[in-house]
Amino acid sequence: MDTCICMGASIGNATGLSKLLSSEEQRQVVAVIGDSTFLHTGINGLMDMVYNSSSSTVVILDNRITAMTGRQENPSSGYTLMGADSYRVDLEQLCRAVGVQHVKVVDPYQVAATRQVLKEEMERPEVSVVIARRPCMLVKRDPVARKPAVTVDIDRCTGCRACLKLGCPAIEWRTTTEGKGVAHINSLFCVGCGLCNQVCNVDAIGDINE
């Protein structure tokens, strides 16, 4: 992440950067924004991006909640702040309504597929939107079914820390008695989502019974 200024600034920053860079470099500019922030102040930025013929990609992190301020509802969650059912804003239709021709929805838990879509959209010479949709793990109305915890094979672990970059609270860093730094999965927090398995390049993470 190269810039992080204020709530909703990413799309405007991307538009400005795309005007300063070469046509090839423009495609490397990606704006990242949450679903609630997109509704708060991102729609106008996306509209300007289309209007000004930008060549950037916008990634909307749709976790169906306002995570950064305490998990409040928002118009894309389908519930009011009091928890009553409400109309759920369709983010795909909203993006198309302001002129975006290419809108893709991905499941961020499918890492390889998500990477492929991002690669394809970043190659486009025009605005595109990728919506990464997966409910927040802490939203109680959408309970996550816990799967068996995974474990780390310390003999295979090279200490590359790729798994730590996920920011998962279950992944810890430990030093073995031999002084080797390795990843460790805290089984109390692990829900078995499988993300860490996918990013480990040496197959050091697997089911606890493997």
N, C-alpha and C. Protein backbone atom coordinates (compact mmCIF):
# COMPACT_ATOMS: atom_id res chain seq x y z
N MET A 1 0.85 -1.18 0.00
CA MET A 1 0.00 0.00 0.00
C MET A 1 0.89 1.24 0.00
N ASP A 2 0.81 2.03 -1.05
CA ASP A 2 1.70 3.17 -1.20
C ASP A 2 1.17 4.46 -0.58
N THR A 3 -0.16 4.63 -0.57
CA THR A 3 -0.74 5.82 0.05
C THR A 3 -1.90 5.42 0.95
N CYS A 4 -2.04 6.08 2.05
CA CYS A 4 -3.16 5.85 2.97
C CYS A 4 -3.41 7.19 3.67
N ILE A 5 -4.30 7.98 3.11
CA ILE A 5 -4.47 9.37 3.56
C ILE A 5 -5.69 9.55 4.45
N CYS A 6 -6.86 9.29 3.90
CA CYS A 6 -8.07 9.48 4.69
C CYS A 6 -9.19 8.63 4.10
N MET A 7 -10.30 8.59 4.80
CA MET A 7 -11.43 7.75 4.41
C MET A 7 -11.94 8.12 3.01
N GLY A 8 -11.81 7.19 2.07
CA GLY A 8 -12.33 7.39 0.73
C GLY A 8 -11.38 8.02 -0.25
N ALA A 9 -10.13 8.28 0.17
CA ALA A 9 -9.19 8.99 -0.71
C ALA A 9 -8.58 8.11 -1.79
N SER A 10 -8.68 6.80 -1.65
CA SER A 10 -7.93 5.90 -2.55
C SER A 10 -8.32 6.06 -4.01
N ILE A 11 -9.62 6.20 -4.30
CA ILE A 11 -10.04 6.28 -5.70
C ILE A 11 -9.59 7.59 -6.33
N GLY A 12 -9.72 8.69 -5.60
CA GLY A 12 -9.25 9.98 -6.11
C GLY A 12 -7.75 9.98 -6.33
N ASN A 13 -7.01 9.37 -5.40
CA ASN A 13 -5.56 9.27 -5.56
C ASN A 13 -5.20 8.48 -6.82
N ALA A 14 -5.92 7.38 -7.03
CA ALA A 14 -5.65 6.54 -8.20
C ALA A 14 -5.92 7.30 -9.49
N THR A 15 -6.99 8.08 -9.50
CA THR A 15 -7.32 8.87 -10.69
C THR A 15 -6.21 9.87 -10.99
N GLY A 16 -5.74 10.56 -9.95
CA GLY A 16 -4.68 11.54 -10.14
C GLY A 16 -3.38 10.91 -10.60
N LEU A 17 -3.02 9.78 -9.97
CA LEU A 17 -1.78 9.10 -10.34
C LEU A 17 -1.82 8.61 -11.78
N SER A 18 -2.99 8.12 -12.19
CA SER A 18 -3.09 7.58 -13.55
C SER A 18 -2.88 8.66 -14.61
N LYS A 19 -3.12 9.92 -14.22
CA LYS A 19 -2.92 11.02 -15.17
C LYS A 19 -1.45 11.45 -15.25
N LEU A 20 -0.67 11.05 -14.27
CA LEU A 20 0.74 11.44 -14.24
C LEU A 20 1.65 10.37 -14.83
N LEU A 21 1.15 9.15 -14.90
CA LEU A 21 1.98 8.02 -15.32
C LEU A 21 1.80 7.70 -16.80
N SER A 22 2.70 6.90 -17.31
CA SER A 22 2.59 6.46 -18.70
C SER A 22 1.43 5.48 -18.83
N SER A 23 1.00 5.22 -20.05
CA SER A 23 -0.14 4.33 -20.27
C SER A 23 0.11 2.94 -19.70
N GLU A 24 1.35 2.49 -19.74
CA GLU A 24 1.69 1.17 -19.20
C GLU A 24 1.67 1.20 -17.68
N GLU A 25 2.21 2.26 -17.09
CA GLU A 25 2.26 2.38 -15.63
C GLU A 25 0.89 2.60 -15.02
N GLN A 26 -0.01 3.23 -15.77
CA GLN A 26 -1.36 3.49 -15.26
C GLN A 26 -2.05 2.22 -14.82
N ARG A 27 -1.79 1.14 -15.52
CA ARG A 27 -2.48 -0.12 -15.25
C ARG A 27 -2.01 -0.78 -13.96
N GLN A 28 -0.92 -0.27 -13.40
CA GLN A 28 -0.42 -0.81 -12.14
C GLN A 28 -1.01 -0.09 -10.93
N VAL A 29 -1.85 0.92 -11.18
CA VAL A 29 -2.45 1.69 -10.09
C VAL A 29 -3.75 1.01 -9.66
N VAL A 30 -3.83 0.68 -8.38
CA VAL A 30 -5.02 0.01 -7.83
C VAL A 30 -5.50 0.78 -6.61
N ALA A 31 -6.79 1.08 -6.59
CA ALA A 31 -7.41 1.73 -5.43
C ALA A 31 -8.13 0.67 -4.61
N VAL A 32 -7.92 0.67 -3.30
CA VAL A 32 -8.57 -0.30 -2.40
C VAL A 32 -9.46 0.46 -1.44
N ILE A 33 -10.71 0.00 -1.30
CA ILE A 33 -11.68 0.71 -0.46
C ILE A 33 -12.69 -0.29 0.10
N GLY A 34 -13.15 -0.06 1.32
CA GLY A 34 -14.16 -0.94 1.92
C GLY A 34 -15.55 -0.65 1.39
N ASP A 35 -16.47 -1.57 1.60
CA ASP A 35 -17.82 -1.39 1.07
C ASP A 35 -18.53 -0.19 1.69
N SER A 36 -18.41 -0.02 3.00
CA SER A 36 -19.10 1.09 3.65
C SER A 36 -18.47 2.43 3.28
N THR A 37 -17.15 2.48 3.16
CA THR A 37 -16.48 3.71 2.76
C THR A 37 -16.79 4.04 1.30
N PHE A 38 -16.92 3.01 0.48
CA PHE A 38 -17.30 3.24 -0.92
C PHE A 38 -18.66 3.92 -0.99
N LEU A 39 -19.60 3.47 -0.16
CA LEU A 39 -20.92 4.09 -0.15
C LEU A 39 -20.87 5.48 0.47
N HIS A 40 -19.96 5.68 1.41
CA HIS A 40 -19.85 6.96 2.10
C HIS A 40 -19.28 8.05 1.20
N THR A 41 -18.20 7.74 0.50
CA THR A 41 -17.55 8.77 -0.31
C THR A 41 -16.75 8.23 -1.49
N GLY A 42 -17.02 6.99 -1.88
CA GLY A 42 -16.28 6.41 -2.99
C GLY A 42 -17.00 6.45 -4.32
N ILE A 43 -18.33 6.54 -4.28
CA ILE A 43 -19.11 6.51 -5.53
C ILE A 43 -18.75 7.69 -6.42
N ASN A 44 -18.68 8.89 -5.81
CA ASN A 44 -18.33 10.07 -6.61
C ASN A 44 -16.93 9.96 -7.20
N GLY A 45 -16.01 9.36 -6.44
CA GLY A 45 -14.65 9.17 -6.95
C GLY A 45 -14.63 8.22 -8.14
N LEU A 46 -15.42 7.14 -8.05
CA LEU A 46 -15.48 6.19 -9.15
C LEU A 46 -16.11 6.82 -10.39
N MET A 47 -17.12 7.64 -10.17
CA MET A 47 -17.77 8.33 -11.28
C MET A 47 -16.77 9.26 -11.98
N ASP A 48 -15.98 9.98 -11.19
CA ASP A 48 -14.96 10.86 -11.77
C ASP A 48 -13.88 10.06 -12.50
N MET A 49 -13.57 8.88 -11.97
CA MET A 49 -12.57 8.03 -12.60
C MET A 49 -13.01 7.63 -14.01
N VAL A 50 -14.29 7.26 -14.14
CA VAL A 50 -14.84 6.91 -15.45
C VAL A 50 -14.89 8.15 -16.34
N TYR A 51 -15.37 9.25 -15.78
CA TYR A 51 -15.54 10.50 -16.53
C TYR A 51 -14.22 11.00 -17.10
N ASN A 52 -13.14 10.82 -16.31
CA ASN A 52 -11.83 11.30 -16.74
C ASN A 52 -10.99 10.23 -17.44
N SER A 53 -11.64 9.14 -17.83
CA SER A 53 -10.98 8.08 -18.62
C SER A 53 -9.71 7.55 -17.97
N SER A 54 -9.82 7.18 -16.70
CA SER A 54 -8.69 6.59 -16.00
C SER A 54 -8.48 5.16 -16.48
N SER A 55 -7.32 4.61 -16.18
CA SER A 55 -7.04 3.21 -16.54
C SER A 55 -6.71 2.39 -15.30
N SER A 56 -7.31 2.74 -14.18
CA SER A 56 -7.00 2.08 -12.92
C SER A 56 -8.04 1.04 -12.54
N THR A 57 -7.66 0.20 -11.59
CA THR A 57 -8.57 -0.83 -11.07
C THR A 57 -8.95 -0.47 -9.64
N VAL A 58 -10.22 -0.62 -9.32
CA VAL A 58 -10.72 -0.36 -7.97
C VAL A 58 -11.10 -1.70 -7.34
N VAL A 59 -10.58 -1.97 -6.15
CA VAL A 59 -10.94 -3.18 -5.41
C VAL A 59 -11.81 -2.77 -4.23
N ILE A 60 -13.04 -3.26 -4.21
CA ILE A 60 -13.96 -2.99 -3.11
C ILE A 60 -13.97 -4.19 -2.18
N LEU A 61 -13.57 -3.99 -0.94
CA LEU A 61 -13.54 -5.06 0.06
C LEU A 61 -14.92 -5.14 0.71
N ASP A 62 -15.75 -6.03 0.20
CA ASP A 62 -17.14 -6.13 0.63
C ASP A 62 -17.28 -7.18 1.73
N ASN A 63 -17.16 -6.74 2.98
CA ASN A 63 -17.32 -7.67 4.10
C ASN A 63 -18.67 -7.48 4.80
N ARG A 64 -19.58 -6.73 4.16
CA ARG A 64 -20.96 -6.56 4.62
C ARG A 64 -21.07 -5.92 6.00
N ILE A 65 -20.10 -5.07 6.35
CA ILE A 65 -20.16 -4.42 7.67
C ILE A 65 -19.19 -3.23 7.64
N THR A 66 -19.37 -2.29 8.57
CA THR A 66 -18.43 -1.18 8.71
C THR A 66 -17.42 -1.57 9.78
N ALA A 67 -16.35 -2.22 9.36
CA ALA A 67 -15.44 -2.86 10.30
C ALA A 67 -14.60 -1.87 11.10
N MET A 68 -14.11 -0.80 10.45
CA MET A 68 -13.10 0.04 11.09
C MET A 68 -13.65 0.86 12.25
N THR A 69 -14.95 1.06 12.33
CA THR A 69 -15.50 1.89 13.41
C THR A 69 -16.35 1.10 14.41
N GLY A 70 -16.32 -0.23 14.31
CA GLY A 70 -17.03 -0.99 15.33
C GLY A 70 -18.12 -1.92 14.83
N ARG A 71 -18.06 -2.30 13.55
CA ARG A 71 -18.99 -3.27 12.98
C ARG A 71 -20.43 -2.76 12.94
N GLN A 72 -20.62 -1.52 12.49
CA GLN A 72 -21.97 -1.00 12.28
C GLN A 72 -22.50 -1.47 10.92
N GLU A 73 -23.83 -1.51 10.82
CA GLU A 73 -24.45 -1.86 9.54
C GLU A 73 -24.28 -0.70 8.56
N ASN A 74 -24.45 -0.99 7.28
CA ASN A 74 -24.42 0.05 6.26
C ASN A 74 -25.36 -0.36 5.14
N PRO A 75 -25.64 0.50 4.17
CA PRO A 75 -26.62 0.19 3.14
C PRO A 75 -26.34 -1.07 2.31
N SER A 76 -25.11 -1.58 2.34
CA SER A 76 -24.84 -2.80 1.58
C SER A 76 -24.98 -4.06 2.42
N SER A 77 -25.26 -3.90 3.72
CA SER A 77 -25.39 -5.08 4.58
C SER A 77 -26.80 -5.66 4.59
N GLY A 78 -27.78 -4.81 4.24
CA GLY A 78 -29.16 -5.29 4.23
C GLY A 78 -29.87 -5.17 5.56
N TYR A 79 -29.26 -4.45 6.50
CA TYR A 79 -29.86 -4.26 7.83
C TYR A 79 -29.67 -2.81 8.27
N THR A 80 -30.60 -2.32 9.10
CA THR A 80 -30.47 -0.99 9.68
C THR A 80 -29.57 -1.08 10.91
N LEU A 81 -29.23 0.07 11.48
CA LEU A 81 -28.40 0.07 12.69
C LEU A 81 -29.10 -0.60 13.86
N MET A 82 -30.44 -0.68 13.80
CA MET A 82 -31.20 -1.35 14.86
C MET A 82 -31.37 -2.84 14.58
N GLY A 83 -30.82 -3.30 13.46
CA GLY A 83 -30.88 -4.73 13.16
C GLY A 83 -32.07 -5.17 12.35
N ALA A 84 -32.91 -4.22 11.93
CA ALA A 84 -34.09 -4.57 11.14
C ALA A 84 -33.71 -4.81 9.68
N ASP A 85 -34.44 -5.70 9.03
CA ASP A 85 -34.18 -5.96 7.61
C ASP A 85 -34.38 -4.69 6.79
N SER A 86 -33.54 -4.50 5.80
CA SER A 86 -33.64 -3.31 4.95
C SER A 86 -33.17 -3.66 3.55
N TYR A 87 -33.34 -2.73 2.63
CA TYR A 87 -32.89 -2.94 1.25
C TYR A 87 -31.37 -3.01 1.21
N ARG A 88 -30.84 -3.99 0.50
CA ARG A 88 -29.40 -4.14 0.36
C ARG A 88 -28.95 -3.55 -0.97
N VAL A 89 -28.13 -2.53 -0.91
CA VAL A 89 -27.62 -1.90 -2.12
C VAL A 89 -26.77 -2.90 -2.91
N ASP A 90 -27.00 -2.97 -4.20
CA ASP A 90 -26.27 -3.87 -5.07
C ASP A 90 -25.03 -3.14 -5.60
N LEU A 91 -23.87 -3.49 -5.09
CA LEU A 91 -22.65 -2.78 -5.45
C LEU A 91 -22.29 -2.95 -6.93
N GLU A 92 -22.56 -4.13 -7.48
CA GLU A 92 -22.27 -4.34 -8.90
C GLU A 92 -23.09 -3.40 -9.77
N GLN A 93 -24.40 -3.33 -9.51
CA GLN A 93 -25.26 -2.44 -10.29
C GLN A 93 -24.87 -0.99 -10.11
N LEU A 94 -24.48 -0.65 -8.89
CA LEU A 94 -24.08 0.73 -8.60
C LEU A 94 -22.85 1.13 -9.42
N CYS A 95 -21.88 0.23 -9.49
CA CYS A 95 -20.67 0.51 -10.27
C CYS A 95 -20.99 0.65 -11.75
N ARG A 96 -21.84 -0.22 -12.24
CA ARG A 96 -22.22 -0.14 -13.66
C ARG A 96 -23.03 1.13 -13.95
N ALA A 97 -23.80 1.57 -12.97
CA ALA A 97 -24.64 2.76 -13.16
C ALA A 97 -23.82 4.02 -13.38
N VAL A 98 -22.60 4.06 -12.82
CA VAL A 98 -21.76 5.25 -13.02
C VAL A 98 -20.82 5.08 -14.21
N GLY A 99 -20.99 3.99 -14.96
CA GLY A 99 -20.25 3.85 -16.20
C GLY A 99 -19.16 2.80 -16.27
N VAL A 100 -18.97 2.03 -15.19
CA VAL A 100 -17.93 1.00 -15.21
C VAL A 100 -18.43 -0.20 -16.03
N GLN A 101 -17.69 -0.55 -17.05
CA GLN A 101 -18.10 -1.64 -17.94
C GLN A 101 -17.65 -3.01 -17.47
N HIS A 102 -16.60 -3.03 -16.65
CA HIS A 102 -16.03 -4.31 -16.23
C HIS A 102 -16.08 -4.42 -14.70
N VAL A 103 -17.00 -5.24 -14.20
CA VAL A 103 -17.16 -5.44 -12.76
C VAL A 103 -17.09 -6.94 -12.49
N LYS A 104 -16.15 -7.35 -11.66
CA LYS A 104 -15.99 -8.77 -11.32
C LYS A 104 -16.16 -8.94 -9.81
N VAL A 105 -16.74 -10.08 -9.41
CA VAL A 105 -16.89 -10.42 -8.00
C VAL A 105 -16.04 -11.66 -7.72
N VAL A 106 -15.21 -11.59 -6.68
CA VAL A 106 -14.35 -12.72 -6.34
C VAL A 106 -14.53 -13.08 -4.87
N ASP A 107 -14.18 -14.32 -4.54
CA ASP A 107 -14.12 -14.77 -3.16
C ASP A 107 -12.65 -14.71 -2.74
N PRO A 108 -12.28 -13.80 -1.85
CA PRO A 108 -10.87 -13.65 -1.49
C PRO A 108 -10.27 -14.88 -0.82
N TYR A 109 -11.12 -15.81 -0.39
CA TYR A 109 -10.60 -17.06 0.18
C TYR A 109 -10.05 -17.98 -0.92
N GLN A 110 -10.41 -17.69 -2.16
CA GLN A 110 -9.85 -18.43 -3.30
C GLN A 110 -8.69 -17.60 -3.85
N VAL A 111 -7.53 -17.76 -3.25
CA VAL A 111 -6.39 -16.88 -3.51
C VAL A 111 -5.94 -16.91 -4.97
N ALA A 112 -5.76 -18.08 -5.54
CA ALA A 112 -5.27 -18.18 -6.92
C ALA A 112 -6.25 -17.55 -7.90
N ALA A 113 -7.54 -17.83 -7.71
CA ALA A 113 -8.56 -17.27 -8.61
C ALA A 113 -8.63 -15.76 -8.48
N THR A 114 -8.50 -15.26 -7.25
CA THR A 114 -8.53 -13.82 -7.02
C THR A 114 -7.34 -13.14 -7.68
N ARG A 115 -6.17 -13.73 -7.54
CA ARG A 115 -4.97 -13.18 -8.18
C ARG A 115 -5.14 -13.12 -9.70
N GLN A 116 -5.73 -14.15 -10.27
CA GLN A 116 -5.90 -14.20 -11.71
C GLN A 116 -6.83 -13.09 -12.20
N VAL A 117 -7.94 -12.89 -11.47
CA VAL A 117 -8.88 -11.83 -11.84
C VAL A 117 -8.21 -10.46 -11.73
N LEU A 118 -7.48 -10.24 -10.66
CA LEU A 118 -6.79 -8.96 -10.49
C LEU A 118 -5.79 -8.72 -11.62
N LYS A 119 -5.07 -9.76 -11.99
CA LYS A 119 -4.10 -9.63 -13.08
C LYS A 119 -4.79 -9.24 -14.38
N GLU A 120 -5.92 -9.90 -14.66
CA GLU A 120 -6.65 -9.63 -15.89
C GLU A 120 -7.21 -8.20 -15.91
N GLU A 121 -7.79 -7.78 -14.78
CA GLU A 121 -8.40 -6.45 -14.74
C GLU A 121 -7.36 -5.34 -14.79
N MET A 122 -6.20 -5.58 -14.21
CA MET A 122 -5.14 -4.57 -14.23
C MET A 122 -4.54 -4.39 -15.62
N GLU A 123 -4.80 -5.33 -16.50
CA GLU A 123 -4.31 -5.22 -17.87
C GLU A 123 -5.23 -4.39 -18.75
N ARG A 124 -6.42 -4.10 -18.26
CA ARG A 124 -7.38 -3.35 -19.08
C ARG A 124 -6.96 -1.88 -19.22
N PRO A 125 -7.16 -1.29 -20.39
CA PRO A 125 -6.82 0.12 -20.60
C PRO A 125 -7.97 1.05 -20.21
N GLU A 126 -8.77 0.63 -19.25
CA GLU A 126 -9.91 1.42 -18.80
C GLU A 126 -10.25 1.05 -17.36
N VAL A 127 -11.21 1.74 -16.79
CA VAL A 127 -11.59 1.50 -15.40
C VAL A 127 -12.22 0.12 -15.24
N SER A 128 -11.84 -0.58 -14.19
CA SER A 128 -12.48 -1.84 -13.85
C SER A 128 -12.62 -1.92 -12.34
N VAL A 129 -13.59 -2.71 -11.89
CA VAL A 129 -13.85 -2.87 -10.46
C VAL A 129 -13.84 -4.35 -10.11
N VAL A 130 -13.14 -4.70 -9.05
CA VAL A 130 -13.15 -6.06 -8.51
C VAL A 130 -13.74 -5.99 -7.11
N ILE A 131 -14.83 -6.70 -6.90
CA ILE A 131 -15.47 -6.73 -5.58
C ILE A 131 -15.07 -8.02 -4.88
N ALA A 132 -14.31 -7.90 -3.81
CA ALA A 132 -13.89 -9.06 -3.02
C ALA A 132 -14.92 -9.27 -1.92
N ARG A 133 -15.74 -10.29 -2.08
CA ARG A 133 -16.90 -10.45 -1.19
C ARG A 133 -16.74 -11.65 -0.26
N ARG A 134 -16.75 -11.35 1.03
CA ARG A 134 -16.72 -12.39 2.06
C ARG A 134 -17.10 -11.72 3.37
N PRO A 135 -18.18 -12.19 4.03
CA PRO A 135 -18.63 -11.55 5.28
C PRO A 135 -17.54 -11.54 6.35
N CYS A 136 -17.51 -10.49 7.14
CA CYS A 136 -16.57 -10.37 8.25
C CYS A 136 -16.74 -11.53 9.21
N MET A 137 -15.63 -12.08 9.69
CA MET A 137 -15.65 -13.22 10.61
C MET A 137 -16.32 -12.88 11.94
N LEU A 138 -16.39 -11.58 12.26
CA LEU A 138 -16.91 -11.18 13.57
C LEU A 138 -18.39 -10.82 13.54
N VAL A 139 -19.03 -10.91 12.36
CA VAL A 139 -20.46 -10.59 12.27
C VAL A 139 -21.26 -11.76 12.81
N LYS A 140 -21.97 -11.56 13.89
CA LYS A 140 -22.65 -12.66 14.57
C LYS A 140 -23.85 -13.20 13.80
N ARG A 141 -24.43 -12.37 12.93
CA ARG A 141 -25.61 -12.86 12.20
C ARG A 141 -25.22 -13.86 11.10
N ASP A 142 -23.94 -13.88 10.74
CA ASP A 142 -23.43 -14.82 9.74
C ASP A 142 -22.35 -15.68 10.37
N PRO A 143 -22.73 -16.57 11.30
CA PRO A 143 -21.72 -17.36 12.00
C PRO A 143 -20.90 -18.22 11.04
N VAL A 144 -19.60 -18.25 11.29
CA VAL A 144 -18.69 -19.03 10.45
C VAL A 144 -18.55 -20.43 11.04
N ALA A 145 -18.78 -21.43 10.20
CA ALA A 145 -18.62 -22.81 10.66
C ALA A 145 -17.14 -23.11 10.84
N ARG A 146 -16.76 -23.43 12.06
CA ARG A 146 -15.35 -23.71 12.34
C ARG A 146 -14.97 -25.08 11.80
N LYS A 147 -13.86 -25.12 11.11
CA LYS A 147 -13.29 -26.37 10.64
C LYS A 147 -12.11 -26.71 11.53
N PRO A 148 -11.62 -27.93 11.45
CA PRO A 148 -10.46 -28.29 12.29
C PRO A 148 -9.30 -27.33 12.07
N ALA A 149 -8.62 -27.01 13.15
CA ALA A 149 -7.47 -26.11 13.08
C ALA A 149 -6.36 -26.73 12.25
N VAL A 150 -5.56 -25.88 11.62
CA VAL A 150 -4.40 -26.37 10.86
C VAL A 150 -3.16 -26.26 11.73
N THR A 151 -2.10 -26.88 11.28
CA THR A 151 -0.86 -26.86 12.04
C THR A 151 0.32 -26.62 11.11
N VAL A 152 1.45 -26.24 11.68
CA VAL A 152 2.66 -25.96 10.90
C VAL A 152 3.68 -27.07 11.11
N ASP A 153 4.20 -27.59 10.01
CA ASP A 153 5.30 -28.55 10.06
C ASP A 153 6.60 -27.74 10.17
N ILE A 154 7.15 -27.68 11.37
CA ILE A 154 8.31 -26.81 11.59
C ILE A 154 9.55 -27.26 10.82
N ASP A 155 9.57 -28.53 10.41
CA ASP A 155 10.70 -29.00 9.61
C ASP A 155 10.65 -28.44 8.19
N ARG A 156 9.42 -28.23 7.70
CA ARG A 156 9.26 -27.68 6.35
C ARG A 156 9.27 -26.15 6.34
N CYS A 157 8.81 -25.55 7.42
CA CYS A 157 8.71 -24.09 7.48
C CYS A 157 10.08 -23.45 7.30
N THR A 158 10.16 -22.52 6.37
CA THR A 158 11.44 -21.84 6.09
C THR A 158 11.54 -20.47 6.77
N GLY A 159 10.46 -20.07 7.45
CA GLY A 159 10.48 -18.78 8.11
C GLY A 159 10.35 -17.61 7.16
N CYS A 160 9.69 -17.82 6.02
CA CYS A 160 9.57 -16.74 5.02
C CYS A 160 8.57 -15.67 5.43
N ARG A 161 7.69 -16.00 6.38
CA ARG A 161 6.70 -15.08 6.94
C ARG A 161 5.58 -14.70 5.97
N ALA A 162 5.44 -15.43 4.88
CA ALA A 162 4.36 -15.13 3.94
C ALA A 162 2.99 -15.25 4.61
N CYS A 163 2.84 -16.24 5.47
CA CYS A 163 1.55 -16.43 6.15
C CYS A 163 1.25 -15.30 7.12
N LEU A 164 2.29 -14.72 7.72
CA LEU A 164 2.08 -13.64 8.68
C LEU A 164 1.50 -12.40 8.01
N LYS A 165 1.77 -12.24 6.71
CA LYS A 165 1.27 -11.08 5.99
C LYS A 165 -0.25 -11.09 5.86
N LEU A 166 -0.87 -12.24 6.12
CA LEU A 166 -2.33 -12.31 6.09
C LEU A 166 -2.96 -11.50 7.21
N GLY A 167 -2.22 -11.32 8.30
CA GLY A 167 -2.77 -10.60 9.44
C GLY A 167 -3.75 -11.43 10.25
N CYS A 168 -3.71 -12.74 10.09
CA CYS A 168 -4.62 -13.62 10.83
C CYS A 168 -4.21 -13.68 12.30
N PRO A 169 -5.16 -13.47 13.23
CA PRO A 169 -4.82 -13.49 14.66
C PRO A 169 -4.40 -14.86 15.17
N ALA A 170 -4.66 -15.91 14.38
CA ALA A 170 -4.28 -17.26 14.82
C ALA A 170 -2.83 -17.59 14.50
N ILE A 171 -2.20 -16.81 13.62
CA ILE A 171 -0.83 -17.11 13.20
C ILE A 171 0.16 -16.34 14.07
N GLU A 172 1.02 -17.08 14.74
CA GLU A 172 2.00 -16.49 15.65
C GLU A 172 3.41 -16.80 15.15
N TRP A 173 4.38 -16.11 15.72
CA TRP A 173 5.78 -16.35 15.37
C TRP A 173 6.52 -16.88 16.59
N ARG A 174 7.19 -17.99 16.42
CA ARG A 174 7.90 -18.59 17.54
C ARG A 174 9.33 -18.96 17.14
N THR A 175 10.16 -19.12 18.15
CA THR A 175 11.53 -19.55 17.94
C THR A 175 11.71 -20.93 18.55
N THR A 176 12.21 -21.87 17.77
CA THR A 176 12.41 -23.23 18.27
C THR A 176 13.61 -23.27 19.22
N THR A 177 13.77 -24.41 19.87
CA THR A 177 14.90 -24.57 20.79
C THR A 177 16.24 -24.47 20.06
N GLU A 178 16.19 -24.73 18.75
CA GLU A 178 17.42 -24.61 17.94
C GLU A 178 17.65 -23.18 17.45
N GLY A 179 16.74 -22.27 17.81
CA GLY A 179 16.88 -20.88 17.40
C GLY A 179 16.29 -20.55 16.04
N LYS A 180 15.52 -21.46 15.49
CA LYS A 180 14.90 -21.24 14.17
C LYS A 180 13.55 -20.55 14.33
N GLY A 181 13.33 -19.48 13.58
CA GLY A 181 12.04 -18.79 13.61
C GLY A 181 11.04 -19.48 12.71
N VAL A 182 9.87 -19.81 13.26
CA VAL A 182 8.84 -20.51 12.48
C VAL A 182 7.46 -19.96 12.81
N ALA A 183 6.53 -20.21 11.91
CA ALA A 183 5.14 -19.83 12.15
C ALA A 183 4.49 -20.87 13.07
N HIS A 184 3.49 -20.43 13.81
CA HIS A 184 2.74 -21.33 14.69
C HIS A 184 1.27 -20.95 14.62
N ILE A 185 0.40 -21.95 14.55
CA ILE A 185 -1.03 -21.70 14.49
C ILE A 185 -1.64 -21.92 15.87
N ASN A 186 -2.26 -20.88 16.42
CA ASN A 186 -2.95 -20.98 17.70
C ASN A 186 -4.31 -21.61 17.46
N SER A 187 -4.49 -22.85 17.91
CA SER A 187 -5.72 -23.59 17.63
C SER A 187 -6.96 -22.99 18.28
N LEU A 188 -6.77 -22.12 19.28
CA LEU A 188 -7.92 -21.47 19.92
C LEU A 188 -8.57 -20.45 19.00
N PHE A 189 -7.78 -19.87 18.10
CA PHE A 189 -8.29 -18.84 17.20
C PHE A 189 -8.53 -19.33 15.78
N CYS A 190 -7.87 -20.40 15.38
CA CYS A 190 -7.97 -20.90 14.01
C CYS A 190 -9.36 -21.45 13.73
N VAL A 191 -9.95 -21.03 12.60
CA VAL A 191 -11.26 -21.54 12.18
C VAL A 191 -11.14 -22.45 10.97
N GLY A 192 -9.92 -22.74 10.56
CA GLY A 192 -9.72 -23.67 9.45
C GLY A 192 -10.13 -23.14 8.10
N CYS A 193 -9.99 -21.83 7.88
CA CYS A 193 -10.44 -21.23 6.62
C CYS A 193 -9.58 -21.64 5.43
N GLY A 194 -8.33 -22.00 5.68
CA GLY A 194 -7.47 -22.48 4.61
C GLY A 194 -6.66 -21.43 3.88
N LEU A 195 -6.77 -20.17 4.28
CA LEU A 195 -6.01 -19.12 3.59
C LEU A 195 -4.50 -19.31 3.73
N CYS A 196 -4.06 -19.63 4.94
CA CYS A 196 -2.62 -19.78 5.16
C CYS A 196 -2.06 -20.95 4.36
N ASN A 197 -2.85 -22.01 4.20
CA ASN A 197 -2.40 -23.15 3.38
C ASN A 197 -2.09 -22.69 1.97
N GLN A 198 -2.93 -21.79 1.45
CA GLN A 198 -2.81 -21.37 0.06
C GLN A 198 -1.60 -20.47 -0.19
N VAL A 199 -1.21 -19.69 0.81
CA VAL A 199 -0.09 -18.76 0.59
C VAL A 199 1.26 -19.37 0.95
N CYS A 200 1.25 -20.52 1.62
CA CYS A 200 2.51 -21.17 1.98
C CYS A 200 3.11 -21.84 0.75
N ASN A 201 4.30 -21.42 0.37
CA ASN A 201 4.94 -21.93 -0.85
C ASN A 201 5.70 -23.23 -0.65
N VAL A 202 5.82 -23.69 0.60
CA VAL A 202 6.58 -24.92 0.86
C VAL A 202 5.71 -26.01 1.47
N ASP A 203 4.39 -25.81 1.42
CA ASP A 203 3.43 -26.81 1.94
C ASP A 203 3.73 -27.18 3.39
N ALA A 204 4.05 -26.18 4.20
CA ALA A 204 4.35 -26.44 5.60
C ALA A 204 3.12 -26.37 6.48
N ILE A 205 1.99 -25.93 5.92
CA ILE A 205 0.77 -25.78 6.71
C ILE A 205 -0.28 -26.76 6.20
N GLY A 206 -0.88 -27.50 7.11
CA GLY A 206 -1.89 -28.47 6.70
C GLY A 206 -2.81 -28.83 7.84
N ASP A 207 -3.75 -29.74 7.56
CA ASP A 207 -4.68 -30.18 8.59
C ASP A 207 -3.92 -30.80 9.74
N ILE A 208 -4.49 -30.66 10.92
CA ILE A 208 -3.80 -31.12 12.13
C ILE A 208 -3.63 -32.63 12.15
N ASN A 209 -4.47 -33.33 11.37
CA ASN A 209 -4.40 -34.79 11.36
C ASN A 209 -3.56 -35.35 10.22
N GLU A 210 -2.99 -34.46 9.40
CA GLU A 210 -2.19 -34.94 8.27
C GLU A 210 -0.86 -35.53 8.73
